[in-house]
C-alpha atoms as a PDB file:
ATOM      1  CA  MET A   1      -0.031  -0.027   0.081  1.00  0.00           C
ATOM      2  CA  LEU A   2       1.246   3.506  -1.019  1.00  0.00           C
ATOM      3  CA  THR A   3       2.235   5.509   2.143  1.00  0.00           C
ATOM      4  CA  SER A   4       3.682   8.892   2.582  1.00  0.00           C
ATOM      5  CA  PHE A   5       6.694   9.781   4.765  1.00  0.00           C
ATOM      6  CA  ALA A   6       9.135  12.417   6.021  1.00  0.00           C
ATOM      7  CA  SER A   7       5.834  14.610   6.454  1.00  0.00           C
ATOM      8  CA  GLY A   8       4.448  13.626   3.003  1.00  0.00           C
ATOM      9  CA  ALA A   9       7.642  14.710   0.860  1.00  0.00           C
ATOM     10  CA  VAL A  10       8.524  10.845   0.124  1.00  0.00           C
ATOM     11  CA  PHE A  11       5.960   7.940  -0.821  1.00  0.00           C
ATOM     12  CA  GLY A  12       6.685   4.220  -1.156  1.00  0.00           C
ATOM     13  CA  SER A  13       5.728   1.066   1.066  1.00  0.00           C
ATOM     14  CA  ARG A  14       6.508   0.244   4.437  1.00  0.00           C
ATOM     15  CA  TYR A  15       6.732  -3.681   4.810  1.00  0.00           C
ATOM     16  CA  GLY A  16       5.985  -5.598   7.991  1.00  0.00           C
ATOM     17  CA  CYS A  17       4.789  -4.465  11.490  1.00  0.00           C
ATOM     18  CA  GLY A  18       7.782  -4.395  13.566  1.00  0.00           C
ATOM     19  CA  ARG A  19      10.584  -1.800  13.768  1.00  0.00           C
ATOM     20  CA  PRO A  20      12.010  -0.933  10.293  1.00  0.00           C
ATOM     21  CA  TRP A  21      15.755  -2.288   9.891  1.00  0.00           C
ATOM     22  CA  LEU A  22      16.278  -1.295   6.188  1.00  0.00           C
ATOM     23  CA  VAL A  23      15.221   1.457   3.486  1.00  0.00           C
ATOM     24  CA  ALA A  24      15.661   0.105  -0.207  1.00  0.00           C
ATOM     25  CA  LEU A  25      16.254   2.892  -3.031  1.00  0.00           C
ATOM     26  CA  HIS A  26      15.223   1.574  -6.293  1.00  0.00           C
ATOM     27  CA  GLY A  27      17.167   2.214 -10.032  1.00  0.00           C
ATOM     28  CA  TRP A  28      16.493   5.042 -12.559  1.00  0.00           C
ATOM     29  CA  ASP A  29      13.206   5.532 -13.842  1.00  0.00           C
ATOM     30  CA  ARG A  30      12.064   2.393 -11.761  1.00  0.00           C
ATOM     31  CA  THR A  31       9.603   2.585  -8.443  1.00  0.00           C
ATOM     32  CA  HIS A  32       9.931   1.026  -4.851  1.00  0.00           C
ATOM     33  CA  ALA A  33       7.476  -1.771  -6.087  1.00  0.00           C
ATOM     34  CA  ASP A  34      10.787  -3.473  -7.789  1.00  0.00           C
ATOM     35  CA  PHE A  35      11.395  -4.705  -3.880  1.00  0.00           C
ATOM     36  CA  ASP A  36       7.961  -6.203  -3.300  1.00  0.00           C
ATOM     37  CA  ARG A  37       9.458  -9.627  -4.017  1.00  0.00           C
ATOM     38  CA  ALA A  38      12.486  -9.175  -1.956  1.00  0.00           C
ATOM     39  CA  PHE A  39      10.826  -7.372   1.037  1.00  0.00           C
ATOM     40  CA  GLY A  40       7.206  -7.135   1.208  1.00  0.00           C
ATOM     41  CA  GLU A  41       4.120  -9.114   1.014  1.00  0.00           C
ATOM     42  CA  SER A  42       5.133 -10.735  -2.189  1.00  0.00           C
ATOM     43  CA  SER A  43       7.984 -12.384  -0.754  1.00  0.00           C
ATOM     44  CA  PRO A  44       7.831 -16.416  -0.151  1.00  0.00           C
ATOM     45  CA  ASP A  45       9.119 -15.788   3.103  1.00  0.00           C
ATOM     46  CA  GLY A  46       6.767 -12.986   4.109  1.00  0.00           C
ATOM     47  CA  PRO A  47       7.506  -9.294   4.426  1.00  0.00           C
ATOM     48  CA  SER A  48      10.921  -7.755   6.135  1.00  0.00           C
ATOM     49  CA  ASP A  49      10.466  -4.629   8.607  1.00  0.00           C
ATOM     50  CA  GLY A  50      11.467  -1.810   6.519  1.00  0.00           C
ATOM     51  CA  LEU A  51      10.663   0.894   3.803  1.00  0.00           C
ATOM     52  CA  ALA A  52      10.866   0.877  -0.037  1.00  0.00           C
ATOM     53  CA  ILE A  53      10.637   4.437  -1.545  1.00  0.00           C
ATOM     54  CA  ASP A  54      10.217   6.220  -4.570  1.00  0.00           C
ATOM     55  CA  LEU A  55      13.076   8.641  -4.954  1.00  0.00           C
ATOM     56  CA  PRO A  56      12.254  12.298  -6.353  1.00  0.00           C
ATOM     57  CA  GLY A  57      10.871  12.187  -9.918  1.00  0.00           C
ATOM     58  CA  PHE A  58      10.044   8.701 -10.000  1.00  0.00           C
ATOM     59  CA  GLY A  59       6.521   6.770  -8.864  1.00  0.00           C
ATOM     60  CA  ALA A  60       4.696   8.981  -6.408  1.00  0.00           C
ATOM     61  CA  THR A  61       7.500  11.436  -5.144  1.00  0.00           C
ATOM     62  CA  PRO A  62       7.622  14.699  -6.663  1.00  0.00           C
ATOM     63  CA  PRO A  63      10.720  15.279  -8.674  1.00  0.00           C
ATOM     64  CA  PRO A  64      13.557  17.747  -7.285  1.00  0.00           C
ATOM     65  CA  PRO A  65      12.917  21.338  -7.338  1.00  0.00           C
ATOM     66  CA  VAL A  66      16.237  21.662  -9.488  1.00  0.00           C
ATOM     67  CA  ALA A  67      18.653  19.253 -11.050  1.00  0.00           C
ATOM     68  CA  TRP A  68      20.404  17.215  -8.246  1.00  0.00           C
ATOM     69  CA  GLY A  69      23.231  15.034  -8.193  1.00  0.00           C
ATOM     70  CA  SER A  70      23.797  11.723  -6.019  1.00  0.00           C
ATOM     71  CA  ALA A  71      24.737  14.285  -3.019  1.00  0.00           C
ATOM     72  CA  GLU A  72      21.600  16.186  -3.409  1.00  0.00           C
ATOM     73  CA  TYR A  73      19.071  12.884  -3.372  1.00  0.00           C
ATOM     74  CA  ALA A  74      21.352  11.730  -0.241  1.00  0.00           C
ATOM     75  CA  ALA A  75      21.064  14.815   1.758  1.00  0.00           C
ATOM     76  CA  PHE A  76      17.181  14.698   1.016  1.00  0.00           C
ATOM     77  CA  LEU A  77      16.761  11.430   2.316  1.00  0.00           C
ATOM     78  CA  GLU A  78      19.129  11.604   5.102  1.00  0.00           C
ATOM     79  CA  PRO A  79      16.105  12.987   7.441  1.00  0.00           C
ATOM     80  CA  LEU A  80      14.231  10.253   6.438  1.00  0.00           C
ATOM     81  CA  VAL A  81      16.976   7.617   7.091  1.00  0.00           C
ATOM     82  CA  ALA A  82      17.508   9.394  10.759  1.00  0.00           C
ATOM     83  CA  GLU A  83      13.969   8.622  11.376  1.00  0.00           C
ATOM     84  CA  VAL A  84      13.928   5.207  10.478  1.00  0.00           C
ATOM     85  CA  ALA A  85      17.320   4.507  12.416  1.00  0.00           C
ATOM     86  CA  ALA A  86      15.670   6.520  15.630  1.00  0.00           C
ATOM     87  CA  GLU A  87      12.495   3.889  15.365  1.00  0.00           C
ATOM     88  CA  ARG A  88      14.760   1.075  15.224  1.00  0.00           C
ATOM     89  CA  GLY A  89      16.974   2.383  17.959  1.00  0.00           C
ATOM     90  CA  GLY A  90      20.166   2.177  15.917  1.00  0.00           C
ATOM     91  CA  PRO A  91      21.582   2.029  12.070  1.00  0.00           C
ATOM     92  CA  VAL A  92      19.622   0.539   9.570  1.00  0.00           C
ATOM     93  CA  VAL A  93      20.624  -1.327   6.231  1.00  0.00           C
ATOM     94  CA  VAL A  94      20.419   0.366   3.094  1.00  0.00           C
ATOM     95  CA  VAL A  95      19.562  -1.579  -0.116  1.00  0.00           C
ATOM     96  CA  GLY A  96      20.170   0.201  -3.478  1.00  0.00           C
ATOM     97  CA  HIS A  97      19.881  -0.764  -7.031  1.00  0.00           C
ATOM     98  CA  SER A  98      21.350   0.929  -9.738  1.00  0.00           C
ATOM     99  CA  PHE A  99      20.959   4.663  -9.317  1.00  0.00           C
ATOM    100  CA  GLY A 100      19.593   4.002  -5.775  1.00  0.00           C
ATOM    101  CA  GLY A 101      22.829   2.230  -4.852  1.00  0.00           C
ATOM    102  CA  ARG A 102      24.597   5.448  -5.905  1.00  0.00           C
ATOM    103  CA  VAL A 103      22.539   7.348  -3.489  1.00  0.00           C
ATOM    104  CA  ALA A 104      22.948   4.650  -0.858  1.00  0.00           C
ATOM    105  CA  VAL A 105      26.601   4.863  -1.046  1.00  0.00           C
ATOM    106  CA  LEU A 106      26.545   8.415  -0.299  1.00  0.00           C
ATOM    107  CA  LEU A 107      24.418   7.940   2.607  1.00  0.00           C
ATOM    108  CA  GLY A 108      27.016   5.196   3.933  1.00  0.00           C
ATOM    109  CA  ALA A 109      29.856   7.535   3.263  1.00  0.00           C
ATOM    110  CA  SER A 110      28.486  10.634   4.925  1.00  0.00           C
ATOM    111  CA  ARG A 111      26.573   9.065   7.980  1.00  0.00           C
ATOM    112  CA  PRO A 112      28.135   5.787   9.343  1.00  0.00           C
ATOM    113  CA  ASP A 113      26.169   6.608  12.174  1.00  0.00           C
ATOM    114  CA  LEU A 114      22.722   5.818  10.492  1.00  0.00           C
ATOM    115  CA  VAL A 115      24.033   3.189   7.988  1.00  0.00           C
ATOM    116  CA  LYS A 116      24.869  -0.268   9.368  1.00  0.00           C
ATOM    117  CA  GLY A 117      25.374  -2.019   6.065  1.00  0.00           C
ATOM    118  CA  LEU A 118      25.084  -1.418   2.355  1.00  0.00           C
ATOM    119  CA  VAL A 119      23.299  -3.915  -0.286  1.00  0.00           C
ATOM    120  CA  LEU A 120      24.456  -2.847  -3.767  1.00  0.00           C
ATOM    121  CA  THR A 121      23.491  -4.431  -7.045  1.00  0.00           C
ATOM    122  CA  GLY A 122      23.741  -3.291 -10.575  1.00  0.00           C
ATOM    123  CA  VAL A 123      25.342  -0.118  -9.301  1.00  0.00           C
ATOM    124  CA  PRO A 124      27.090   2.035 -11.783  1.00  0.00           C
ATOM    125  CA  LEU A 125      30.036   3.266  -9.620  1.00  0.00           C
ATOM    126  CA  LEU A 126      32.735   2.663 -11.870  1.00  0.00           C
ATOM    127  CA  ARG A 127      33.334   2.952 -15.380  1.00  0.00           C
ATOM    128  CA  ARG A 128      33.172   0.087 -17.594  1.00  0.00           C
ATOM    129  CA  ASP A 129      36.647  -1.464 -18.535  1.00  0.00           C
ATOM    130  CA  GLY A 130      37.540  -1.217 -22.271  1.00  0.00           C
ATOM    131  CA  PRO A 131      36.827   1.242 -24.780  1.00  0.00           C
ATOM    132  CA  ARG A 132      33.281   3.122 -24.646  1.00  0.00           C
ATOM    133  CA  PRO A 133      30.972   3.564 -27.780  1.00  0.00           C
ATOM    134  CA  ALA A 134      31.646   6.808 -29.595  1.00  0.00           C
ATOM    135  CA  PRO A 135      28.334   9.256 -30.019  1.00  0.00           C
ATOM    136  CA  ALA A 136      27.378   9.469 -33.259  1.00  0.00           C
ATOM    137  CA  THR A 137      29.021  11.806 -35.827  1.00  0.00           C
ATOM    138  CA  ALA A 138      26.453  14.059 -36.089  1.00  0.00           C
ATOM    139  CA  TYR A 139      26.034  14.511 -32.531  1.00  0.00           C
ATOM    140  CA  ARG A 140      29.398  15.114 -31.895  1.00  0.00           C
ATOM    141  CA  LEU A 141      29.625  17.974 -34.766  1.00  0.00           C
ATOM    142  CA  ALA A 142      26.471  19.426 -33.255  1.00  0.00           C
ATOM    143  CA  ARG A 143      28.084  19.271 -29.594  1.00  0.00           C
ATOM    144  CA  ALA A 144      31.123  21.266 -30.889  1.00  0.00           C
ATOM    145  CA  ALA A 145      29.291  23.580 -33.011  1.00  0.00           C
ATOM    146  CA  ASN A 146      27.190  24.361 -29.895  1.00  0.00           C
ATOM    147  CA  ARG A 147      30.535  24.941 -27.782  1.00  0.00           C
ATOM    148  CA  ILE A 148      31.434  27.885 -30.211  1.00  0.00           C
ATOM    149  CA  GLY A 149      28.172  29.111 -30.388  1.00  0.00           C
ATOM    150  CA  LEU A 150      26.839  27.991 -34.333  1.00  0.00           C
ATOM    151  CA  ILE A 151      24.041  26.301 -32.645  1.00  0.00           C
ATOM    152  CA  GLY A 152      21.632  27.467 -30.030  1.00  0.00           C
ATOM    153  CA  ALA A 153      20.343  25.682 -26.935  1.00  0.00           C
ATOM    154  CA  GLY A 154      17.093  24.936 -28.632  1.00  0.00           C
ATOM    155  CA  ARG A 155      18.585  23.157 -31.488  1.00  0.00           C
ATOM    156  CA  MET A 156      21.080  21.387 -29.396  1.00  0.00           C
ATOM    157  CA  GLU A 157      18.079  19.841 -27.342  1.00  0.00           C
ATOM    158  CA  GLN A 158      16.693  18.511 -30.678  1.00  0.00           C
ATOM    159  CA  TYR A 159      19.993  16.702 -31.218  1.00  0.00           C
ATOM    160  CA  ARG A 160      19.592  15.483 -27.608  1.00  0.00           C
ATOM    161  CA  ARG A 161      16.463  14.111 -27.880  1.00  0.00           C
ATOM    162  CA  ARG A 162      17.576  12.324 -31.211  1.00  0.00           C
ATOM    163  CA  TYR A 163      21.040  11.030 -30.499  1.00  0.00           C
ATOM    164  CA  GLY A 164      20.415  10.926 -26.534  1.00  0.00           C
ATOM    165  CA  SER A 165      20.096   7.577 -24.468  1.00  0.00           C
ATOM    166  CA  ALA A 166      16.603   6.376 -23.748  1.00  0.00           C
ATOM    167  CA  ASP A 167      16.651   7.152 -20.245  1.00  0.00           C
ATOM    168  CA  TYR A 168      17.572  10.975 -21.445  1.00  0.00           C
ATOM    169  CA  ARG A 169      15.028  11.064 -24.284  1.00  0.00           C
ATOM    170  CA  LYS A 170      12.071   9.527 -21.486  1.00  0.00           C
ATOM    171  CA  ALA A 171      13.085  11.958 -18.612  1.00  0.00           C
ATOM    172  CA  THR A 172      11.735  15.475 -18.584  1.00  0.00           C
ATOM    173  CA  GLY A 173      12.311  18.496 -16.733  1.00  0.00           C
ATOM    174  CA  THR A 174      14.431  18.594 -13.502  1.00  0.00           C
ATOM    175  CA  VAL A 175      14.546  15.052 -13.681  1.00  0.00           C
ATOM    176  CA  ARG A 176      16.256  15.142 -17.121  1.00  0.00           C
ATOM    177  CA  ASP A 177      18.806  17.600 -15.738  1.00  0.00           C
ATOM    178  CA  SER A 178      19.542  15.416 -13.153  1.00  0.00           C
ATOM    179  CA  PHE A 179      20.147  12.755 -15.309  1.00  0.00           C
ATOM    180  CA  VAL A 180      22.769  14.681 -17.012  1.00  0.00           C
ATOM    181  CA  ARG A 181      24.638  15.853 -13.725  1.00  0.00           C
ATOM    182  CA  LEU A 182      24.324  11.781 -12.632  1.00  0.00           C
ATOM    183  CA  VAL A 183      26.185  10.093 -15.819  1.00  0.00           C
ATOM    184  CA  ASN A 184      29.297  12.378 -15.268  1.00  0.00           C
ATOM    185  CA  GLU A 185      29.694  11.493 -11.669  1.00  0.00           C
ATOM    186  CA  ASP A 186      32.747   9.594  -9.947  1.00  0.00           C
ATOM    187  CA  TYR A 187      32.574   7.638  -7.187  1.00  0.00           C
ATOM    188  CA  GLY A 188      36.056   6.558  -6.509  1.00  0.00           C
ATOM    189  CA  GLU A 189      36.866   9.022  -3.566  1.00  0.00           C
ATOM    190  CA  VAL A 190      33.047   8.230  -2.196  1.00  0.00           C
ATOM    191  CA  LEU A 191      33.955   4.349  -2.021  1.00  0.00           C
ATOM    192  CA  ALA A 192      37.155   5.019  -0.328  1.00  0.00           C
ATOM    193  CA  LYS A 193      35.334   6.691   2.635  1.00  0.00           C
ATOM    194  CA  LEU A 194      33.088   3.628   3.304  1.00  0.00           C
ATOM    195  CA  ALA A 195      33.799   1.684   6.657  1.00  0.00           C
ATOM    196  CA  CYS A 196      30.513  -0.447   6.884  1.00  0.00           C
ATOM    197  CA  PRO A 197      30.040  -3.841   5.370  1.00  0.00           C
ATOM    198  CA  VAL A 198      28.938  -3.853   1.773  1.00  0.00           C
ATOM    199  CA  GLU A 199      27.115  -6.798   0.328  1.00  0.00           C
ATOM    200  CA  LEU A 200      27.338  -6.786  -3.668  1.00  0.00           C
ATOM    201  CA  VAL A 201      25.020  -8.927  -5.189  1.00  0.00           C
ATOM    202  CA  TRP A 202      25.242  -8.833  -9.251  1.00  0.00           C
ATOM    203  CA  GLY A 203      23.888 -10.588 -12.201  1.00  0.00           C
ATOM    204  CA  SER A 204      26.144 -12.363 -14.301  1.00  0.00           C
ATOM    205  CA  ARG A 205      24.392 -11.167 -17.237  1.00  0.00           C
ATOM    206  CA  ASP A 206      23.829  -7.709 -16.196  1.00  0.00           C
ATOM    207  CA  ASP A 207      24.523  -5.812 -19.600  1.00  0.00           C
ATOM    208  CA  GLN A 208      24.201  -2.517 -17.976  1.00  0.00           C
ATOM    209  CA  VAL A 209      26.680  -2.726 -15.035  1.00  0.00           C
ATOM    210  CA  PRO A 210      28.891  -6.260 -15.911  1.00  0.00           C
ATOM    211  CA  PRO A 211      30.127  -7.876 -12.749  1.00  0.00           C
ATOM    212  CA  GLU A 212      33.472  -6.725 -13.508  1.00  0.00           C
ATOM    213  CA  VAL A 213      32.752  -3.703 -12.140  1.00  0.00           C
ATOM    214  CA  ALA A 214      31.195  -5.305  -8.932  1.00  0.00           C
ATOM    215  CA  ARG A 215      34.536  -7.204  -8.544  1.00  0.00           C
ATOM    216  CA  ARG A 216      36.777  -3.882  -9.183  1.00  0.00           C
ATOM    217  CA  VAL A 217      34.300  -2.165  -6.378  1.00  0.00           C
ATOM    218  CA  ALA A 218      34.705  -5.308  -4.253  1.00  0.00           C
ATOM    219  CA  ALA A 219      38.874  -4.945  -4.362  1.00  0.00           C
ATOM    220  CA  MET A 220      38.323  -1.392  -3.009  1.00  0.00           C
ATOM    221  CA  LEU A 221      36.191  -2.237  -0.030  1.00  0.00           C
ATOM    222  CA  PRO A 222      37.431  -2.925   3.435  1.00  0.00           C
ATOM    223  CA  ASP A 223      34.925  -5.375   4.356  1.00  0.00           C
ATOM    224  CA  ALA A 224      32.797  -6.521   1.020  1.00  0.00           C
ATOM    225  CA  ARG A 225      31.194  -9.701  -0.172  1.00  0.00           C
ATOM    226  CA  LEU A 226      30.545 -10.356  -3.780  1.00  0.00           C
ATOM    227  CA  THR A 227      27.794 -13.041  -5.008  1.00  0.00           C
ATOM    228  CA  GLU A 228      27.109 -13.479  -8.703  1.00  0.00           C
ATOM    229  CA  CYS A 229      23.682 -14.757  -9.635  1.00  0.00           C
ATOM    230  CA  ASP A 230      24.112 -16.985 -12.650  1.00  0.00           C
ATOM    231  CA  GLY A 231      21.956 -16.158 -15.408  1.00  0.00           C
ATOM    232  CA  VAL A 232      20.472 -12.759 -13.956  1.00  0.00           C
ATOM    233  CA  GLY A 233      20.434  -9.739 -15.547  1.00  0.00           C
ATOM    234  CA  HIS A 234      20.349  -5.770 -14.326  1.00  0.00           C
ATOM    235  CA  LEU A 235      16.963  -5.781 -12.950  1.00  0.00           C
ATOM    236  CA  LEU A 236      18.024  -8.570 -10.027  1.00  0.00           C
ATOM    237  CA  PRO A 237      15.745  -6.932  -7.545  1.00  0.00           C
ATOM    238  CA  LEU A 238      12.918  -8.745  -9.825  1.00  0.00           C
ATOM    239  CA  GLU A 239      14.758 -11.647 -11.163  1.00  0.00           C
ATOM    240  CA  ALA A 240      16.608 -12.724  -8.097  1.00  0.00           C
ATOM    241  CA  PRO A 241      14.378 -11.257  -4.960  1.00  0.00           C
ATOM    242  CA  ALA A 242      15.513 -14.178  -2.646  1.00  0.00           C
ATOM    243  CA  ALA A 243      19.304 -13.326  -3.469  1.00  0.00           C
ATOM    244  CA  LEU A 244      19.068  -9.428  -2.406  1.00  0.00           C
ATOM    245  CA  ARG A 245      16.885 -10.548   0.949  1.00  0.00           C
ATOM    246  CA  ALA A 246      19.603 -12.966   2.055  1.00  0.00           C
ATOM    247  CA  ALA A 247      22.390 -10.637   1.731  1.00  0.00           C
ATOM    248  CA  ALA A 248      20.396  -7.985   3.535  1.00  0.00           C
ATOM    249  CA  GLY A 249      19.822 -10.367   6.164  1.00  0.00           C
ATOM    250  CA  ARG A 250      23.401 -11.167   6.580  1.00  0.00           C
ATOM    251  CA  LEU A 251      23.758  -7.620   7.522  1.00  0.00           C
ATOM    252  CA  ARG A 252      20.618  -7.143   9.851  1.00  0.00           C
END
C-alpha cells in the first residue's frame, strides 16, 4: 500500500509491522515496487520490516526542484533514514539498485552513524573497462558547434532528443537535468570513505553494469562480499529477490 513518509515529502511502501531495519532505494526510472518480491508481501518468506521508497522524480514522489546529483538526493533522504534509525534504535541497512545504489553509497559514506551496512546491486559506481562507444558523428559535430555558438540551446536539445540515451529521452524537466549531472559523476573517492560492510549482489548477465565492475568495487572496499547470480540480468530485485533478501539479512 502506498504510504507517505517524511511529512508527505516521500512516498513508498512500509513492509512488515515491526521496527524497520532496512530502507530500499530503486533504480533509475523504476519505483519502490521493484522490492516487493524481496522484502514485501509478495516475498515467499513474508515481509521484512522496512521501507521501500520512490526516489524524487519517480513513482509518486515529486521531482526535485532543480537538477540534483547523488549528493543532493542523499541529503534529501538523510532525515528519513535518521527517522527510521531512531525508530529502530540504531543504524539501518540500506539497499540500493542501480541509481539507488549511488545514493546509498553517499549515505553510507556521509552518515556512518545511520547506516549499518549496504546491499548494492547493478550500481554504476565505476566506469566499465574497455573502450566506450563513441557518440554518433552528427551529435559530436552538433556538440562542437554548440560550444562555439554556431548552434543554439534549442537546436542542441533537438540533437539530444534524437541521439541521447533512452533514459535521457524519456526524462523531462529537472529529472532530465539531474540525469545529465549523474552520468558524469565519479564515486572513487566516496568508495574510499566507506567503512561499513557491503554486500554486492550482481547478475552474471547484467549488460548495463557488468560483474567486472562489482569485482573492482569489492577490491576497493575493506569489508565487502560479492555474490554473482548466474543467468540474472540488471533487474536483479525482480529476477533474484531471494539473493537480495539473503544479503540484507546477513547485515541485519
